[in-house]
Amino acid sequence: WWPMISFVVFKAPPEGRTHIFRSGEPFMQIIFLPVESQFELVEMNGEEAAERGGRGRRIHASRDTLSKETAWTSSTNTVFDGTYRHILRAAKAKAKET
C-alpha cells in the first residue's frame, strides 16, 4: 500500500564512540501524513493552554539536566539532545510501577 521507496538514515556517533541499540527501545519513528486531512483544529481553552504552558516551562527549566551528555550539533549547526527521550523513558518506568 506504500508505493514509495523507504530508507533509514542514522546519525553517526562521534568518532571513537559507539551507538547502542537497547533491547525493547524503538530506534526509529514513522509518521504517515494524509495528503488531505480529515480533522479539524480546535483552539485550546484557557485551562488546557495554561497546563501546556506550565509543562513547557518545567521542561525548559530542566533542560540542562534532561539533556545531560546527549547534546550534539548537526552539520548545519542545529543543536539536538535527548531531552524527550529521557522524558519518555521516565514515563515508561512510571507506567510499569502502576
PDB file of N, CA and C in Angstrom:
ATOM      1  N   TRP A   1       0.806  -1.193   0.000  1.00  0.00           N
ATOM      2  CA  TRP A   1       0.000   0.000   0.000  1.00  0.00           C
ATOM      3  C   TRP A   1       0.850   1.258   0.000  1.00  0.00           C
ATOM      4  N   TRP A   2       2.165   1.112   0.149  1.00  0.00           N
ATOM      5  CA  TRP A   2       3.048   2.269   0.152  1.00  0.00           C
ATOM      6  C   TRP A   2       3.990   2.156  -1.033  1.00  0.00           C
ATOM      7  N   PRO A   3       3.712   2.858  -2.129  1.00  0.00           N
ATOM      8  CA  PRO A   3       4.479   2.681  -3.358  1.00  0.00           C
ATOM      9  C   PRO A   3       5.836   3.390  -3.392  1.00  0.00           C
ATOM     10  N   MET A   4       6.178   4.100  -2.339  1.00  0.00           N
ATOM     11  CA  MET A   4       7.431   4.856  -2.344  1.00  0.00           C
ATOM     12  C   MET A   4       8.569   4.018  -1.759  1.00  0.00           C
ATOM     13  N   ILE A   5       9.785   4.249  -2.242  1.00  0.00           N
ATOM     14  CA  ILE A   5      10.962   3.597  -1.675  1.00  0.00           C
ATOM     15  C   ILE A   5      11.220   4.220  -0.310  1.00  0.00           C
ATOM     16  N   SER A   6      11.494   3.394   0.675  1.00  0.00           N
ATOM     17  CA  SER A   6      11.766   3.888   2.025  1.00  0.00           C
ATOM     18  C   SER A   6      13.189   3.510   2.420  1.00  0.00           C
ATOM     19  N   PHE A   7      13.810   4.337   3.217  1.00  0.00           N
ATOM     20  CA  PHE A   7      15.140   4.023   3.721  1.00  0.00           C
ATOM     21  C   PHE A   7      15.303   4.677   5.082  1.00  0.00           C
ATOM     22  N   VAL A   8      16.275   4.203   5.846  1.00  0.00           N
ATOM     23  CA  VAL A   8      16.524   4.706   7.187  1.00  0.00           C
ATOM     24  C   VAL A   8      17.921   5.308   7.219  1.00  0.00           C
ATOM     25  N   VAL A   9      18.048   6.473   7.817  1.00  0.00           N
ATOM     26  CA  VAL A   9      19.341   7.127   7.966  1.00  0.00           C
ATOM     27  C   VAL A   9      19.599   7.289   9.455  1.00  0.00           C
ATOM     28  N   PHE A  10      20.762   6.870   9.900  1.00  0.00           N
ATOM     29  CA  PHE A  10      21.130   7.012  11.303  1.00  0.00           C
ATOM     30  C   PHE A  10      22.189   8.094  11.450  1.00  0.00           C
ATOM     31  N   LYS A  11      22.112   8.815  12.542  1.00  0.00           N
ATOM     32  CA  LYS A  11      23.143   9.792  12.873  1.00  0.00           C
ATOM     33  C   LYS A  11      24.376   9.012  13.320  1.00  0.00           C
ATOM     34  N   ALA A  12      25.515   9.293  12.738  1.00  0.00           N
ATOM     35  CA  ALA A  12      26.743   8.607  13.132  1.00  0.00           C
ATOM     36  C   ALA A  12      27.197   9.127  14.488  1.00  0.00           C
ATOM     37  N   PRO A  13      27.633   8.227  15.370  1.00  0.00           N
ATOM     38  CA  PRO A  13      28.132   8.691  16.672  1.00  0.00           C
ATOM     39  C   PRO A  13      29.449   9.441  16.489  1.00  0.00           C
ATOM     40  N   PRO A  14      29.827  10.245  17.461  1.00  0.00           N
ATOM     41  CA  PRO A  14      31.110  10.948  17.360  1.00  0.00           C
ATOM     42  C   PRO A  14      32.251   9.940  17.184  1.00  0.00           C
ATOM     43  N   GLU A  15      33.313  10.370  16.564  1.00  0.00           N
ATOM     44  CA  GLU A  15      34.448   9.488  16.308  1.00  0.00           C
ATOM     45  C   GLU A  15      34.945   8.848  17.602  1.00  0.00           C
ATOM     46  N   GLY A  16      35.141   7.548  17.545  1.00  0.00           N
ATOM     47  CA  GLY A  16      35.630   6.814  18.711  1.00  0.00           C
ATOM     48  C   GLY A  16      34.541   6.347  19.658  1.00  0.00           C
ATOM     49  N   ARG A  17      33.306   6.705  19.393  1.00  0.00           N
ATOM     50  CA  ARG A  17      32.196   6.288  20.262  1.00  0.00           C
ATOM     51  C   ARG A  17      31.309   5.321  19.508  1.00  0.00           C
ATOM     52  N   THR A  18      30.500   4.569  20.240  1.00  0.00           N
ATOM     53  CA  THR A  18      29.627   3.562  19.655  1.00  0.00           C
ATOM     54  C   THR A  18      28.182   3.865  20.002  1.00  0.00           C
ATOM     55  N   HIS A  19      27.291   3.735  19.019  1.00  0.00           N
ATOM     56  CA  HIS A  19      25.861   3.893  19.295  1.00  0.00           C
ATOM     57  C   HIS A  19      25.331   2.569  19.829  1.00  0.00           C
ATOM     58  N   ILE A  20      24.528   2.620  20.860  1.00  0.00           N
ATOM     59  CA  ILE A  20      23.986   1.408  21.473  1.00  0.00           C
ATOM     60  C   ILE A  20      22.493   1.332  21.196  1.00  0.00           C
ATOM     61  N   PHE A  21      22.067   0.245  20.555  1.00  0.00           N
ATOM     62  CA  PHE A  21      20.647  -0.017  20.361  1.00  0.00           C
ATOM     63  C   PHE A  21      20.200  -0.853  21.548  1.00  0.00           C
ATOM     64  N   ARG A  22      19.302  -0.321  22.363  1.00  0.00           N
ATOM     65  CA  ARG A  22      18.848  -1.024  23.563  1.00  0.00           C
ATOM     66  C   ARG A  22      17.639  -1.891  23.236  1.00  0.00           C
ATOM     67  N   SER A  23      17.669  -3.108  23.731  1.00  0.00           N
ATOM     68  CA  SER A  23      16.567  -4.043  23.505  1.00  0.00           C
ATOM     69  C   SER A  23      15.266  -3.468  24.052  1.00  0.00           C
ATOM     70  N   GLY A  24      14.230  -3.523  23.251  1.00  0.00           N
ATOM     71  CA  GLY A  24      12.925  -3.039  23.686  1.00  0.00           C
ATOM     72  C   GLY A  24      12.706  -1.550  23.487  1.00  0.00           C
ATOM     73  N   GLU A  25      13.750  -0.814  23.105  1.00  0.00           N
ATOM     74  CA  GLU A  25      13.595   0.622  22.861  1.00  0.00           C
ATOM     75  C   GLU A  25      13.512   0.870  21.362  1.00  0.00           C
ATOM     76  N   PRO A  26      12.596   1.730  20.930  1.00  0.00           N
ATOM     77  CA  PRO A  26      12.482   1.998  19.493  1.00  0.00           C
ATOM     78  C   PRO A  26      13.730   2.700  18.973  1.00  0.00           C
ATOM     79  N   PHE A  27      14.079   2.413  17.729  1.00  0.00           N
ATOM     80  CA  PHE A  27      15.226   3.088  17.134  1.00  0.00           C
ATOM     81  C   PHE A  27      14.806   3.993  15.989  1.00  0.00           C
ATOM     82  N   MET A  28      13.516   4.016  15.715  1.00  0.00           N
ATOM     83  CA  MET A  28      13.023   4.910  14.679  1.00  0.00           C
ATOM     84  C   MET A  28      11.543   5.191  14.914  1.00  0.00           C
ATOM     85  N   GLN A  29      11.058   6.208  14.230  1.00  0.00           N
ATOM     86  CA  GLN A  29       9.652   6.569  14.317  1.00  0.00           C
ATOM     87  C   GLN A  29       9.186   6.936  12.917  1.00  0.00           C
ATOM     88  N   ILE A  30       8.046   6.428  12.546  1.00  0.00           N
ATOM     89  CA  ILE A  30       7.477   6.740  11.236  1.00  0.00           C
ATOM     90  C   ILE A  30       6.125   7.408  11.451  1.00  0.00           C
ATOM     91  N   ILE A  31       5.928   8.502  10.781  1.00  0.00           N
ATOM     92  CA  ILE A  31       4.647   9.195  10.850  1.00  0.00           C
ATOM     93  C   ILE A  31       4.127   9.338   9.425  1.00  0.00           C
ATOM     94  N   PHE A  32       2.966   8.780   9.168  1.00  0.00           N
ATOM     95  CA  PHE A  32       2.339   8.903   7.858  1.00  0.00           C
ATOM     96  C   PHE A  32       1.331  10.042   7.917  1.00  0.00           C
ATOM     97  N   LEU A  33       1.432  10.955   6.995  1.00  0.00           N
ATOM     98  CA  LEU A  33       0.517  12.086   6.945  1.00  0.00           C
ATOM     99  C   LEU A  33      -0.344  11.976   5.696  1.00  0.00           C
ATOM    100  N   PRO A  34      -1.648  12.118   5.863  1.00  0.00           N
ATOM    101  CA  PRO A  34      -2.520  12.052   4.690  1.00  0.00           C
ATOM    102  C   PRO A  34      -2.335  13.286   3.809  1.00  0.00           C
ATOM    103  N   VAL A  35      -2.561  13.111   2.531  1.00  0.00           N
ATOM    104  CA  VAL A  35      -2.463  14.241   1.605  1.00  0.00           C
ATOM    105  C   VAL A  35      -3.495  15.294   1.983  1.00  0.00           C
ATOM    106  N   GLU A  36      -4.698  14.848   2.295  1.00  0.00           N
ATOM    107  CA  GLU A  36      -5.756  15.756   2.732  1.00  0.00           C
ATOM    108  C   GLU A  36      -6.208  15.327   4.122  1.00  0.00           C
ATOM    109  N   SER A  37      -6.154  16.243   5.050  1.00  0.00           N
ATOM    110  CA  SER A  37      -6.537  15.910   6.420  1.00  0.00           C
ATOM    111  C   SER A  37      -8.055  15.857   6.569  1.00  0.00           C
ATOM    112  N   GLN A  38      -8.495  14.988   7.462  1.00  0.00           N
ATOM    113  CA  GLN A  38      -9.925  14.864   7.736  1.00  0.00           C
ATOM    114  C   GLN A  38     -10.204  15.194   9.201  1.00  0.00           C
ATOM    115  N   PHE A  39      -9.468  16.136   9.723  1.00  0.00           N
ATOM    116  CA  PHE A  39      -9.683  16.547  11.095  1.00  0.00           C
ATOM    117  C   PHE A  39      -9.784  18.065  11.145  1.00  0.00           C
ATOM    118  N   GLU A  40     -10.290  18.539  12.246  1.00  0.00           N
ATOM    119  CA  GLU A  40     -10.482  19.975  12.413  1.00  0.00           C
ATOM    120  C   GLU A  40      -9.674  20.439  13.612  1.00  0.00           C
ATOM    121  N   LEU A  41      -8.860  21.462  13.431  1.00  0.00           N
ATOM    122  CA  LEU A  41      -8.094  22.018  14.535  1.00  0.00           C
ATOM    123  C   LEU A  41      -9.026  22.825  15.428  1.00  0.00           C
ATOM    124  N   VAL A  42      -8.873  22.632  16.722  1.00  0.00           N
ATOM    125  CA  VAL A  42      -9.710  23.334  17.691  1.00  0.00           C
ATOM    126  C   VAL A  42      -8.792  24.058  18.668  1.00  0.00           C
ATOM    127  N   GLU A  43      -9.074  25.299  18.920  1.00  0.00           N
ATOM    128  CA  GLU A  43      -8.257  26.086  19.837  1.00  0.00           C
ATOM    129  C   GLU A  43      -8.391  25.541  21.257  1.00  0.00           C
ATOM    130  N   MET A  44      -7.273  25.518  21.978  1.00  0.00           N
ATOM    131  CA  MET A  44      -7.296  25.064  23.371  1.00  0.00           C
ATOM    132  C   MET A  44      -8.055  26.079  24.217  1.00  0.00           C
ATOM    133  N   ASN A  45      -8.723  25.571  25.251  1.00  0.00           N
ATOM    134  CA  ASN A  45      -9.358  26.501  26.179  1.00  0.00           C
ATOM    135  C   ASN A  45      -8.285  27.026  27.140  1.00  0.00           C
ATOM    136  N   GLY A  46      -8.639  27.962  27.984  1.00  0.00           N
ATOM    137  CA  GLY A  46      -7.678  28.593  28.890  1.00  0.00           C
ATOM    138  C   GLY A  46      -6.977  27.619  29.810  1.00  0.00           C
ATOM    139  N   GLU A  47      -7.729  26.660  30.353  1.00  0.00           N
ATOM    140  CA  GLU A  47      -7.145  25.675  31.270  1.00  0.00           C
ATOM    141  C   GLU A  47      -6.127  24.787  30.548  1.00  0.00           C
ATOM    142  N   GLU A  48      -6.480  24.326  29.352  1.00  0.00           N
ATOM    143  CA  GLU A  48      -5.562  23.490  28.566  1.00  0.00           C
ATOM    144  C   GLU A  48      -4.301  24.263  28.198  1.00  0.00           C
ATOM    145  N   ALA A  49      -4.479  25.518  27.794  1.00  0.00           N
ATOM    146  CA  ALA A  49      -3.336  26.347  27.411  1.00  0.00           C
ATOM    147  C   ALA A  49      -2.415  26.587  28.606  1.00  0.00           C
ATOM    148  N   ALA A  50      -2.992  26.826  29.778  1.00  0.00           N
ATOM    149  CA  ALA A  50      -2.192  27.050  30.982  1.00  0.00           C
ATOM    150  C   ALA A  50      -1.421  25.786  31.363  1.00  0.00           C
ATOM    151  N   GLU A  51      -2.075  24.629  31.264  1.00  0.00           N
ATOM    152  CA  GLU A  51      -1.418  23.361  31.588  1.00  0.00           C
ATOM    153  C   GLU A  51      -0.258  23.093  30.630  1.00  0.00           C
ATOM    154  N   ARG A  52      -0.497  23.304  29.353  1.00  0.00           N
ATOM    155  CA  ARG A  52       0.556  23.084  28.350  1.00  0.00           C
ATOM    156  C   ARG A  52       1.702  24.070  28.553  1.00  0.00           C
ATOM    157  N   GLY A  53       1.381  25.311  28.831  1.00  0.00           N
ATOM    158  CA  GLY A  53       2.419  26.314  29.071  1.00  0.00           C
ATOM    159  C   GLY A  53       3.264  25.974  30.289  1.00  0.00           C
ATOM    160  N   GLY A  54       2.610  25.521  31.360  1.00  0.00           N
ATOM    161  CA  GLY A  54       3.333  25.123  32.573  1.00  0.00           C
ATOM    162  C   GLY A  54       4.254  23.946  32.314  1.00  0.00           C
ATOM    163  N   ARG A  55       3.762  22.979  31.556  1.00  0.00           N
ATOM    164  CA  ARG A  55       4.575  21.803  31.215  1.00  0.00           C
ATOM    165  C   ARG A  55       5.802  22.239  30.403  1.00  0.00           C
ATOM    166  N   GLY A  56       5.587  23.126  29.455  1.00  0.00           N
ATOM    167  CA  GLY A  56       6.694  23.622  28.637  1.00  0.00           C
ATOM    168  C   GLY A  56       7.739  24.355  29.467  1.00  0.00           C
ATOM    169  N   ARG A  57       7.283  25.170  30.426  1.00  0.00           N
ATOM    170  CA  ARG A  57       8.221  25.896  31.287  1.00  0.00           C
ATOM    171  C   ARG A  57       9.018  24.938  32.171  1.00  0.00           C
ATOM    172  N   ARG A  58       8.370  23.874  32.685  1.00  0.00           N
ATOM    173  CA  ARG A  58       9.078  22.890  33.522  1.00  0.00           C
ATOM    174  C   ARG A  58      10.137  22.148  32.709  1.00  0.00           C
ATOM    175  N   ILE A  59       9.791  21.771  31.485  1.00  0.00           N
ATOM    176  CA  ILE A  59      10.760  21.083  30.623  1.00  0.00           C
ATOM    177  C   ILE A  59      11.926  22.021  30.317  1.00  0.00           C
ATOM    178  N   HIS A  60      11.623  23.264  29.976  1.00  0.00           N
ATOM    179  CA  HIS A  60      12.678  24.236  29.661  1.00  0.00           C
ATOM    180  C   HIS A  60      13.601  24.440  30.863  1.00  0.00           C
ATOM    181  N   ALA A  61      13.024  24.555  32.063  1.00  0.00           N
ATOM    182  CA  ALA A  61      13.826  24.769  33.268  1.00  0.00           C
ATOM    183  C   ALA A  61      14.699  23.558  33.592  1.00  0.00           C
ATOM    184  N   SER A  62      14.282  22.365  33.177  1.00  0.00           N
ATOM    185  CA  SER A  62      15.027  21.134  33.462  1.00  0.00           C
ATOM    186  C   SER A  62      15.895  20.682  32.294  1.00  0.00           C
ATOM    187  N   ARG A  63      15.944  21.450  31.251  1.00  0.00           N
ATOM    188  CA  ARG A  63      16.615  21.015  30.008  1.00  0.00           C
ATOM    189  C   ARG A  63      18.080  20.632  30.220  1.00  0.00           C
ATOM    190  N   ASP A  64      18.815  21.412  31.002  1.00  0.00           N
ATOM    191  CA  ASP A  64      20.230  21.091  31.225  1.00  0.00           C
ATOM    192  C   ASP A  64      20.396  19.721  31.868  1.00  0.00           C
ATOM    193  N   THR A  65      19.522  19.392  32.806  1.00  0.00           N
ATOM    194  CA  THR A  65      19.585  18.082  33.462  1.00  0.00           C
ATOM    195  C   THR A  65      19.104  16.989  32.523  1.00  0.00           C
ATOM    196  N   LEU A  66      17.982  17.220  31.852  1.00  0.00           N
ATOM    197  CA  LEU A  66      17.398  16.197  30.980  1.00  0.00           C
ATOM    198  C   LEU A  66      18.266  15.882  29.768  1.00  0.00           C
ATOM    199  N   SER A  67      19.015  16.858  29.287  1.00  0.00           N
ATOM    200  CA  SER A  67      19.812  16.639  28.075  1.00  0.00           C
ATOM    201  C   SER A  67      21.276  16.343  28.377  1.00  0.00           C
ATOM    202  N   LYS A  68      21.595  16.201  29.642  1.00  0.00           N
ATOM    203  CA  LYS A  68      22.990  15.999  30.047  1.00  0.00           C
ATOM    204  C   LYS A  68      23.644  14.870  29.252  1.00  0.00           C
ATOM    205  N   GLU A  69      24.787  15.174  28.683  1.00  0.00           N
ATOM    206  CA  GLU A  69      25.617  14.222  27.935  1.00  0.00           C
ATOM    207  C   GLU A  69      24.944  13.659  26.686  1.00  0.00           C
ATOM    208  N   THR A  70      23.883  14.304  26.186  1.00  0.00           N
ATOM    209  CA  THR A  70      23.229  13.801  24.975  1.00  0.00           C
ATOM    210  C   THR A  70      23.194  14.836  23.857  1.00  0.00           C
ATOM    211  N   ALA A  71      23.732  16.018  24.092  1.00  0.00           N
ATOM    212  CA  ALA A  71      23.658  17.078  23.083  1.00  0.00           C
ATOM    213  C   ALA A  71      24.652  16.833  21.950  1.00  0.00           C
ATOM    214  N   TRP A  72      24.222  17.135  20.742  1.00  0.00           N
ATOM    215  CA  TRP A  72      25.105  17.066  19.574  1.00  0.00           C
ATOM    216  C   TRP A  72      24.679  18.144  18.596  1.00  0.00           C
ATOM    217  N   THR A  73      25.598  18.563  17.765  1.00  0.00           N
ATOM    218  CA  THR A  73      25.349  19.618  16.791  1.00  0.00           C
ATOM    219  C   THR A  73      25.466  19.045  15.388  1.00  0.00           C
ATOM    220  N   SER A  74      24.466  19.317  14.572  1.00  0.00           N
ATOM    221  CA  SER A  74      24.452  18.807  13.197  1.00  0.00           C
ATOM    222  C   SER A  74      25.417  19.606  12.326  1.00  0.00           C
ATOM    223  N   SER A  75      25.583  19.154  11.102  1.00  0.00           N
ATOM    224  CA  SER A  75      26.469  19.850  10.162  1.00  0.00           C
ATOM    225  C   SER A  75      25.946  21.241   9.807  1.00  0.00           C
ATOM    226  N   THR A  76      24.667  21.503  10.110  1.00  0.00           N
ATOM    227  CA  THR A  76      24.088  22.829   9.857  1.00  0.00           C
ATOM    228  C   THR A  76      24.033  23.672  11.129  1.00  0.00           C
ATOM    229  N   ASN A  77      24.786  23.237  12.151  1.00  0.00           N
ATOM    230  CA  ASN A  77      24.868  23.930  13.448  1.00  0.00           C
ATOM    231  C   ASN A  77      23.552  23.959  14.212  1.00  0.00           C
ATOM    232  N   THR A  78      22.704  22.963  13.993  1.00  0.00           N
ATOM    233  CA  THR A  78      21.478  22.820  14.768  1.00  0.00           C
ATOM    234  C   THR A  78      21.790  21.912  15.954  1.00  0.00           C
ATOM    235  N   VAL A  79      21.422  22.337  17.157  1.00  0.00           N
ATOM    236  CA  VAL A  79      21.707  21.547  18.353  1.00  0.00           C
ATOM    237  C   VAL A  79      20.535  20.620  18.645  1.00  0.00           C
ATOM    238  N   PHE A  80      20.834  19.348  18.853  1.00  0.00           N
ATOM    239  CA  PHE A  80      19.844  18.337  19.219  1.00  0.00           C
ATOM    240  C   PHE A  80      20.262  17.737  20.555  1.00  0.00           C
ATOM    241  N   ASP A  81      19.298  17.187  21.281  1.00  0.00           N
ATOM    242  CA  ASP A  81      19.649  16.496  22.523  1.00  0.00           C
ATOM    243  C   ASP A  81      18.602  15.436  22.848  1.00  0.00           C
ATOM    244  N   GLY A  82      18.833  14.703  23.923  1.00  0.00           N
ATOM    245  CA  GLY A  82      17.964  13.588  24.285  1.00  0.00           C
ATOM    246  C   GLY A  82      16.920  13.921  25.327  1.00  0.00           C
ATOM    247  N   THR A  83      16.538  15.189  25.452  1.00  0.00           N
ATOM    248  CA  THR A  83      15.572  15.592  26.475  1.00  0.00           C
ATOM    249  C   THR A  83      14.299  14.758  26.429  1.00  0.00           C
ATOM    250  N   TYR A  84      13.662  14.681  25.273  1.00  0.00           N
ATOM    251  CA  TYR A  84      12.379  13.985  25.193  1.00  0.00           C
ATOM    252  C   TYR A  84      12.541  12.473  25.292  1.00  0.00           C
ATOM    253  N   ARG A  85      13.704  11.954  24.893  1.00  0.00           N
ATOM    254  CA  ARG A  85      13.975  10.526  25.066  1.00  0.00           C
ATOM    255  C   ARG A  85      14.028  10.188  26.559  1.00  0.00           C
ATOM    256  N   HIS A  86      14.659  11.065  27.359  1.00  0.00           N
ATOM    257  CA  HIS A  86      14.719  10.848  28.805  1.00  0.00           C
ATOM    258  C   HIS A  86      13.333  10.962  29.442  1.00  0.00           C
ATOM    259  N   ILE A  87      12.532  11.908  28.978  1.00  0.00           N
ATOM    260  CA  ILE A  87      11.164  12.053  29.490  1.00  0.00           C
ATOM    261  C   ILE A  87      10.355  10.799  29.169  1.00  0.00           C
ATOM    262  N   LEU A  88      10.481  10.280  27.947  1.00  0.00           N
ATOM    263  CA  LEU A  88       9.766   9.061  27.554  1.00  0.00           C
ATOM    264  C   LEU A  88      10.196   7.882  28.413  1.00  0.00           C
ATOM    265  N   ARG A  89      11.495   7.722  28.622  1.00  0.00           N
ATOM    266  CA  ARG A  89      12.000   6.611  29.433  1.00  0.00           C
ATOM    267  C   ARG A  89      11.440   6.692  30.859  1.00  0.00           C
ATOM    268  N   ALA A  90      11.396   7.894  31.432  1.00  0.00           N
ATOM    269  CA  ALA A  90      10.856   8.073  32.782  1.00  0.00           C
ATOM    270  C   ALA A  90       9.365   7.757  32.820  1.00  0.00           C
ATOM    271  N   ALA A  91       8.625   8.171  31.791  1.00  0.00           N
ATOM    272  CA  ALA A  91       7.183   7.892  31.734  1.00  0.00           C
ATOM    273  C   ALA A  91       6.925   6.395  31.632  1.00  0.00           C
ATOM    274  N   LYS A  92       7.737   5.685  30.842  1.00  0.00           N
ATOM    275  CA  LYS A  92       7.573   4.232  30.719  1.00  0.00           C
ATOM    276  C   LYS A  92       7.867   3.542  32.042  1.00  0.00           C
ATOM    277  N   ALA A  93       8.912   3.989  32.740  1.00  0.00           N
ATOM    278  CA  ALA A  93       9.251   3.398  34.035  1.00  0.00           C
ATOM    279  C   ALA A  93       8.131   3.632  35.040  1.00  0.00           C
ATOM    280  N   LYS A  94       7.554   4.830  35.024  1.00  0.00           N
ATOM    281  CA  LYS A  94       6.449   5.145  35.941  1.00  0.00           C
ATOM    282  C   LYS A  94       5.223   4.300  35.614  1.00  0.00           C
ATOM    283  N   ALA A  95       4.963   4.087  34.323  1.00  0.00           N
ATOM    284  CA  ALA A  95       3.807   3.281  33.909  1.00  0.00           C
ATOM    285  C   ALA A  95       3.956   1.834  34.357  1.00  0.00           C
ATOM    286  N   LYS A  96       5.185   1.320  34.367  1.00  0.00           N
ATOM    287  CA  LYS A  96       5.419  -0.060  34.810  1.00  0.00           C
ATOM    288  C   LYS A  96       5.149  -0.226  36.300  1.00  0.00           C
ATOM    289  N   GLU A  97       5.348   0.854  37.065  1.00  0.00           N
ATOM    290  CA  GLU A  97       5.130   0.812  38.513  1.00  0.00           C
ATOM    291  C   GLU A  97       3.656   0.676  38.868  1.00  0.00           C
ATOM    292  N   THR A  98       2.776   1.158  37.992  1.00  0.00           N
ATOM    293  CA  THR A  98       1.341   1.130  38.302  1.00  0.00           C
ATOM    294  C   THR A  98       0.646  -0.051  37.694  1.00  0.00           C
TER     295      THR A  98
END
